[in-house]
C-alpha atoms as a PDB file:
ATOM      1  CA  MET A   1      51.122 -65.450  32.464  1.00  0.00           C
ATOM      2  CA  PRO A   2      48.479 -63.768  30.300  1.00  0.00           C
ATOM      3  CA  ASN A   3      44.893 -64.922  30.483  1.00  0.00           C
ATOM      4  CA  GLN A   4      44.171 -67.561  27.893  1.00  0.00           C
ATOM      5  CA  ASP A   5      40.882 -68.035  26.126  1.00  0.00           C
ATOM      6  CA  MET A   6      39.874 -71.402  27.582  1.00  0.00           C
ATOM      7  CA  SER A   7      37.881 -72.211  24.429  1.00  0.00           C
ATOM      8  CA  THR A   8      41.169 -72.548  22.521  1.00  0.00           C
ATOM      9  CA  ASP A   9      42.592 -75.090  24.974  1.00  0.00           C
ATOM     10  CA  PRO A  10      42.709 -78.656  23.687  1.00  0.00           C
ATOM     11  CA  PRO A  11      39.766 -80.677  25.012  1.00  0.00           C
ATOM     12  CA  ILE A  12      40.473 -83.225  27.745  1.00  0.00           C
ATOM     13  CA  LYS A  13      38.312 -86.346  27.791  1.00  0.00           C
ATOM     14  CA  LEU A  14      38.216 -89.740  29.447  1.00  0.00           C
ATOM     15  CA  MET A  15      39.844 -92.348  27.224  1.00  0.00           C
ATOM     16  CA  ARG A  16      37.395 -94.654  25.428  1.00  0.00           C
ATOM     17  CA  LEU A  17      37.873 -97.957  23.678  1.00  0.00           C
ATOM     18  CA  ALA A  18      37.981 -96.169  20.307  1.00  0.00           C
ATOM     19  CA  ASP A  19      40.957 -94.099  21.556  1.00  0.00           C
ATOM     20  CA  LEU A  20      43.326 -97.018  22.192  1.00  0.00           C
ATOM     21  CA  SER A  21      45.114 -96.751  18.812  1.00  0.00           C
ATOM     22  CA  ALA A  22      45.731 -93.024  19.299  1.00  0.00           C
ATOM     23  CA  TYR A  23      46.956 -93.712  22.833  1.00  0.00           C
ATOM     24  CA  LYS A  24      49.409 -96.353  21.600  1.00  0.00           C
ATOM     25  CA  GLN A  25      50.686 -94.013  18.885  1.00  0.00           C
ATOM     26  CA  LEU A  26      51.315 -91.210  21.392  1.00  0.00           C
ATOM     27  CA  ARG A  27      52.878 -93.574  23.938  1.00  0.00           C
ATOM     28  CA  ASP A  28      55.163 -95.291  21.414  1.00  0.00           C
ATOM     29  CA  GLY A  29      56.393 -91.914  20.171  1.00  0.00           C
ATOM     30  CA  MET A  30      57.016 -90.551  23.658  1.00  0.00           C
ATOM     31  CA  LEU A  31      58.825 -93.692  24.858  1.00  0.00           C
ATOM     32  CA  ALA A  32      61.108 -93.621  21.792  1.00  0.00           C
ATOM     33  CA  ALA A  33      61.845 -89.900  22.023  1.00  0.00           C
ATOM     34  CA  HIS A  34      62.298 -89.714  25.812  1.00  0.00           C
ATOM     35  CA  PRO A  35      63.630 -93.017  27.187  1.00  0.00           C
ATOM     36  CA  GLN A  36      64.917 -91.265  30.311  1.00  0.00           C
ATOM     37  CA  ALA A  37      61.422 -90.062  31.269  1.00  0.00           C
ATOM     38  CA  PHE A  38      59.649 -93.430  31.457  1.00  0.00           C
ATOM     39  CA  THR A  39      60.150 -96.675  33.312  1.00  0.00           C
ATOM     40  CA  SER A  40      58.740 -98.624  30.345  1.00  0.00           C
ATOM     41  CA  ASP A  41      61.024 -99.097  27.348  1.00  0.00           C
ATOM     42  CA  ALA A  42      60.086 -98.347  23.750  1.00  0.00           C
ATOM     43  CA  ALA A  43      61.230-101.671  22.252  1.00  0.00           C
ATOM     44  CA  THR A  44      59.039-103.744  24.572  1.00  0.00           C
ATOM     45  CA  GLU A  45      56.005-101.479  24.319  1.00  0.00           C
ATOM     46  CA  LEU A  46      56.242-101.290  20.525  1.00  0.00           C
ATOM     47  CA  LYS A  47      55.465-105.034  20.423  1.00  0.00           C
ATOM     48  CA  ARG A  48      52.160-104.536  22.247  1.00  0.00           C
ATOM     49  CA  ASP A  49      48.998-104.011  20.248  1.00  0.00           C
ATOM     50  CA  ALA A  50      46.616-101.147  20.983  1.00  0.00           C
ATOM     51  CA  ASP A  51      44.061-103.494  22.560  1.00  0.00           C
ATOM     52  CA  SER A  52      46.578-104.408  25.266  1.00  0.00           C
ATOM     53  CA  TYR A  53      45.978-100.965  26.790  1.00  0.00           C
ATOM     54  CA  ARG A  54      42.330-101.769  27.650  1.00  0.00           C
ATOM     55  CA  GLY A  55      43.427-101.891  31.279  1.00  0.00           C
ATOM     56  CA  ARG A  56      43.985 -98.128  31.114  1.00  0.00           C
ATOM     57  CA  LEU A  57      40.288 -97.489  30.500  1.00  0.00           C
ATOM     58  CA  SER A  58      38.102 -96.388  33.414  1.00  0.00           C
ATOM     59  CA  GLY A  59      37.595 -99.349  35.700  1.00  0.00           C
ATOM     60  CA  GLY A  60      39.976-101.433  33.594  1.00  0.00           C
ATOM     61  CA  GLY A  61      42.362-104.012  34.981  1.00  0.00           C
ATOM     62  CA  ASP A  62      39.960-105.335  37.639  1.00  0.00           C
ATOM     63  CA  GLY A  63      39.219-101.787  38.782  1.00  0.00           C
ATOM     64  CA  ALA A  64      42.887-100.952  39.352  1.00  0.00           C
ATOM     65  CA  ASN A  65      42.755 -98.174  36.769  1.00  0.00           C
ATOM     66  CA  LEU A  66      40.495 -95.362  37.873  1.00  0.00           C
ATOM     67  CA  PHE A  67      40.769 -93.505  34.550  1.00  0.00           C
ATOM     68  CA  THR A  68      42.961 -92.215  31.763  1.00  0.00           C
ATOM     69  CA  LEU A  69      42.476 -88.650  30.587  1.00  0.00           C
ATOM     70  CA  CYS A  70      43.493 -87.641  27.063  1.00  0.00           C
ATOM     71  CA  ALA A  71      44.111 -84.201  25.571  1.00  0.00           C
ATOM     72  CA  TRP A  72      43.216 -83.723  21.914  1.00  0.00           C
ATOM     73  CA  ALA A  73      44.150 -81.367  19.084  1.00  0.00           C
ATOM     74  CA  GLY A  74      41.474 -82.190  16.536  1.00  0.00           C
ATOM     75  CA  PRO A  75      41.637 -85.929  15.843  1.00  0.00           C
ATOM     76  CA  ARG A  76      45.157 -86.293  17.310  1.00  0.00           C
ATOM     77  CA  MET A  77      45.856 -87.238  20.933  1.00  0.00           C
ATOM     78  CA  ILE A  78      48.503 -84.856  22.281  1.00  0.00           C
ATOM     79  CA  GLY A  79      48.638 -85.846  25.935  1.00  0.00           C
ATOM     80  CA  ALA A  80      47.523 -88.419  28.469  1.00  0.00           C
ATOM     81  CA  ILE A  81      47.592 -89.217  32.169  1.00  0.00           C
ATOM     82  CA  SER A  82      46.405 -92.352  33.977  1.00  0.00           C
ATOM     83  CA  CYS A  83      45.391 -92.813  37.598  1.00  0.00           C
ATOM     84  CA  GLU A  84      45.429 -96.177  39.332  1.00  0.00           C
ATOM     85  CA  HIS A  85      44.735 -97.577  42.768  1.00  0.00           C
ATOM     86  CA  GLU A  86      44.659-100.879  44.577  1.00  0.00           C
ATOM     87  CA  ALA A  87      41.594-102.509  46.082  1.00  0.00           C
ATOM     88  CA  ARG A  88      43.473-103.836  49.144  1.00  0.00           C
ATOM     89  CA  ILE A  89      41.757-102.393  52.210  1.00  0.00           C
ATOM     90  CA  LYS A  90      44.851-100.947  53.905  1.00  0.00           C
ATOM     91  CA  VAL A  91      45.978 -98.972  50.824  1.00  0.00           C
ATOM     92  CA  ARG A  92      42.768 -98.291  48.931  1.00  0.00           C
ATOM     93  CA  HIS A  93      42.940 -94.648  50.066  1.00  0.00           C
ATOM     94  CA  ILE A  94      46.019 -94.115  47.840  1.00  0.00           C
ATOM     95  CA  ALA A  95      45.917 -93.379  44.100  1.00  0.00           C
ATOM     96  CA  HIS A  96      48.912 -93.404  41.749  1.00  0.00           C
ATOM     97  CA  ILE A  97      49.507 -91.196  38.729  1.00  0.00           C
ATOM     98  CA  VAL A  98      51.248 -93.084  35.924  1.00  0.00           C
ATOM     99  CA  GLY A  99      52.018 -92.567  32.269  1.00  0.00           C
ATOM    100  CA  MET A 100      51.884 -88.759  32.168  1.00  0.00           C
ATOM    101  CA  MET A 101      52.891 -87.599  28.686  1.00  0.00           C
ATOM    102  CA  VAL A 102      52.502 -84.579  26.422  1.00  0.00           C
ATOM    103  CA  SER A 103      53.648 -84.519  22.797  1.00  0.00           C
ATOM    104  CA  ASP A 104      56.796 -82.494  22.192  1.00  0.00           C
ATOM    105  CA  GLU A 105      55.158 -79.767  20.100  1.00  0.00           C
ATOM    106  CA  MET A 106      52.744 -79.042  22.965  1.00  0.00           C
ATOM    107  CA  HIS A 107      55.380 -78.671  25.713  1.00  0.00           C
ATOM    108  CA  GLY A 108      55.164 -75.377  27.537  1.00  0.00           C
ATOM    109  CA  GLN A 109      51.561 -74.714  26.492  1.00  0.00           C
ATOM    110  CA  GLY A 110      49.881 -75.828  29.716  1.00  0.00           C
ATOM    111  CA  VAL A 111      48.542 -79.160  28.456  1.00  0.00           C
ATOM    112  CA  GLY A 112      50.358 -81.153  31.153  1.00  0.00           C
ATOM    113  CA  ARG A 113      49.144 -78.829  33.900  1.00  0.00           C
ATOM    114  CA  ARG A 114      45.556 -79.068  32.646  1.00  0.00           C
ATOM    115  CA  LEU A 115      45.737 -82.869  32.495  1.00  0.00           C
ATOM    116  CA  LEU A 116      47.183 -83.045  36.008  1.00  0.00           C
ATOM    117  CA  GLU A 117      44.710 -80.553  37.488  1.00  0.00           C
ATOM    118  CA  ARG A 118      41.768 -82.374  35.901  1.00  0.00           C
ATOM    119  CA  ALA A 119      43.064 -85.702  37.231  1.00  0.00           C
ATOM    120  CA  LEU A 120      43.411 -84.235  40.725  1.00  0.00           C
ATOM    121  CA  THR A 121      39.856 -82.875  40.562  1.00  0.00           C
ATOM    122  CA  LEU A 122      38.529 -86.314  39.610  1.00  0.00           C
ATOM    123  CA  LEU A 123      40.576 -87.969  42.358  1.00  0.00           C
ATOM    124  CA  GLN A 124      39.256 -85.507  44.948  1.00  0.00           C
ATOM    125  CA  GLY A 125      35.742 -86.570  43.935  1.00  0.00           C
ATOM    126  CA  GLU A 126      36.462 -90.137  45.062  1.00  0.00           C
ATOM    127  CA  PRO A 127      35.528 -90.193  48.784  1.00  0.00           C
ATOM    128  CA  VAL A 128      37.800 -93.124  49.663  1.00  0.00           C
ATOM    129  CA  LEU A 129      40.951 -91.455  48.270  1.00  0.00           C
ATOM    130  CA  GLU A 130      43.138 -89.357  50.565  1.00  0.00           C
ATOM    131  CA  LEU A 131      46.585 -89.432  48.978  1.00  0.00           C
ATOM    132  CA  VAL A 132      48.036 -89.544  45.459  1.00  0.00           C
ATOM    133  CA  THR A 133      51.583 -90.564  44.540  1.00  0.00           C
ATOM    134  CA  LEU A 134      53.768 -90.496  41.446  1.00  0.00           C
ATOM    135  CA  THR A 135      57.358 -91.027  40.399  1.00  0.00           C
ATOM    136  CA  VAL A 136      59.327 -88.747  38.122  1.00  0.00           C
ATOM    137  CA  THR A 137      62.854 -88.948  36.762  1.00  0.00           C
ATOM    138  CA  SER A 138      64.823 -86.617  39.035  1.00  0.00           C
ATOM    139  CA  SER A 139      66.588 -84.888  36.148  1.00  0.00           C
ATOM    140  CA  ASN A 140      63.259 -84.025  34.471  1.00  0.00           C
ATOM    141  CA  THR A 141      63.161 -80.584  36.084  1.00  0.00           C
ATOM    142  CA  ARG A 142      60.225 -79.333  34.012  1.00  0.00           C
ATOM    143  CA  ALA A 143      58.029 -82.204  35.229  1.00  0.00           C
ATOM    144  CA  VAL A 144      59.270 -81.885  38.823  1.00  0.00           C
ATOM    145  CA  ARG A 145      58.346 -78.160  38.790  1.00  0.00           C
ATOM    146  CA  LEU A 146      54.903 -78.979  37.393  1.00  0.00           C
ATOM    147  CA  TYR A 147      54.226 -81.525  40.127  1.00  0.00           C
ATOM    148  CA  GLU A 148      55.525 -79.219  42.854  1.00  0.00           C
ATOM    149  CA  GLY A 149      53.366 -76.406  41.467  1.00  0.00           C
ATOM    150  CA  CYS A 150      50.325 -78.668  41.850  1.00  0.00           C
ATOM    151  CA  GLY A 151      51.103 -79.414  45.494  1.00  0.00           C
ATOM    152  CA  PHE A 152      53.245 -82.551  45.300  1.00  0.00           C
ATOM    153  CA  THR A 153      56.236 -82.920  47.604  1.00  0.00           C
ATOM    154  CA  ARG A 154      59.157 -85.282  47.339  1.00  0.00           C
ATOM    155  CA  TYR A 155      59.230 -87.927  50.036  1.00  0.00           C
ATOM    156  CA  GLY A 156      62.153 -89.895  48.675  1.00  0.00           C
ATOM    157  CA  ARG A 157      64.522 -90.607  45.851  1.00  0.00           C
ATOM    158  CA  LEU A 158      65.307 -94.002  44.386  1.00  0.00           C
ATOM    159  CA  GLU A 159      68.869 -93.791  43.088  1.00  0.00           C
ATOM    160  CA  GLY A 160      69.514 -96.070  40.117  1.00  0.00           C
ATOM    161  CA  ALA A 161      65.793 -96.544  39.425  1.00  0.00           C
ATOM    162  CA  ILE A 162      66.245 -96.542  35.637  1.00  0.00           C
ATOM    163  CA  LYS A 163      69.087 -98.037  33.666  1.00  0.00           C
ATOM    164  CA  LEU A 164      69.079 -97.061  29.984  1.00  0.00           C
ATOM    165  CA  GLN A 165      70.501 -99.164  27.157  1.00  0.00           C
ATOM    166  CA  ASP A 166      73.495 -96.843  26.876  1.00  0.00           C
ATOM    167  CA  GLY A 167      74.364 -97.608  30.513  1.00  0.00           C
ATOM    168  CA  GLN A 168      73.126 -94.289  31.890  1.00  0.00           C
ATOM    169  CA  VAL A 169      71.594 -94.707  35.355  1.00  0.00           C
ATOM    170  CA  LEU A 170      68.922 -92.271  36.560  1.00  0.00           C
ATOM    171  CA  ALA A 171      67.171 -91.580  39.847  1.00  0.00           C
ATOM    172  CA  LYS A 172      63.416 -91.302  40.343  1.00  0.00           C
ATOM    173  CA  ASP A 173      61.839 -88.866  42.774  1.00  0.00           C
ATOM    174  CA  LEU A 174      58.940 -90.271  44.762  1.00  0.00           C
ATOM    175  CA  MET A 175      56.272 -87.599  45.253  1.00  0.00           C
ATOM    176  CA  SER A 176      52.939 -87.393  46.998  1.00  0.00           C
ATOM    177  CA  ARG A 177      50.058 -84.981  47.576  1.00  0.00           C
ATOM    178  CA  ARG A 178      47.211 -85.068  50.054  1.00  0.00           C
ATOM    179  CA  LEU A 179      43.746 -84.955  48.506  1.00  0.00           C
ATOM    180  CA  ARG A 180      42.000 -84.120  51.796  1.00  0.00           C
END
């Protein structure tokens, strides 16, 4: 891969309250265009208002959400990734990546990798965290390769994890990566 001028890469920033409408717009579009890639369904999520995503802000949802990172092309959000964890003592060392998405026109341009790498860097900065998990639709080979390339390994597969409206049933790979 040729060296890229990093100054031309879309900026990645922590999501703020003012970004919730852009986040909802990106999410609604991705859920509608790629129902097989997400556990959430477009029809249900479309009914939510932008403010309902406040829990995805840093520290949102009683601290369960560590952060959401967003990639931008000018004023338009083109990608996002959220990281969550639980406060329960026995599992507070585990973080979970959820809601990874990159707009279709940006696929293959490294936005997803940059979002994931930045998220992993932030997670490694949290002393209590030791492990990060995620799920990915098994047939989404591009995403599986991205996660494997960033050090994730599959520890299981949940057959029949997603059932689409058309009756199609899909498996989810369960993946994890050590942070330390």
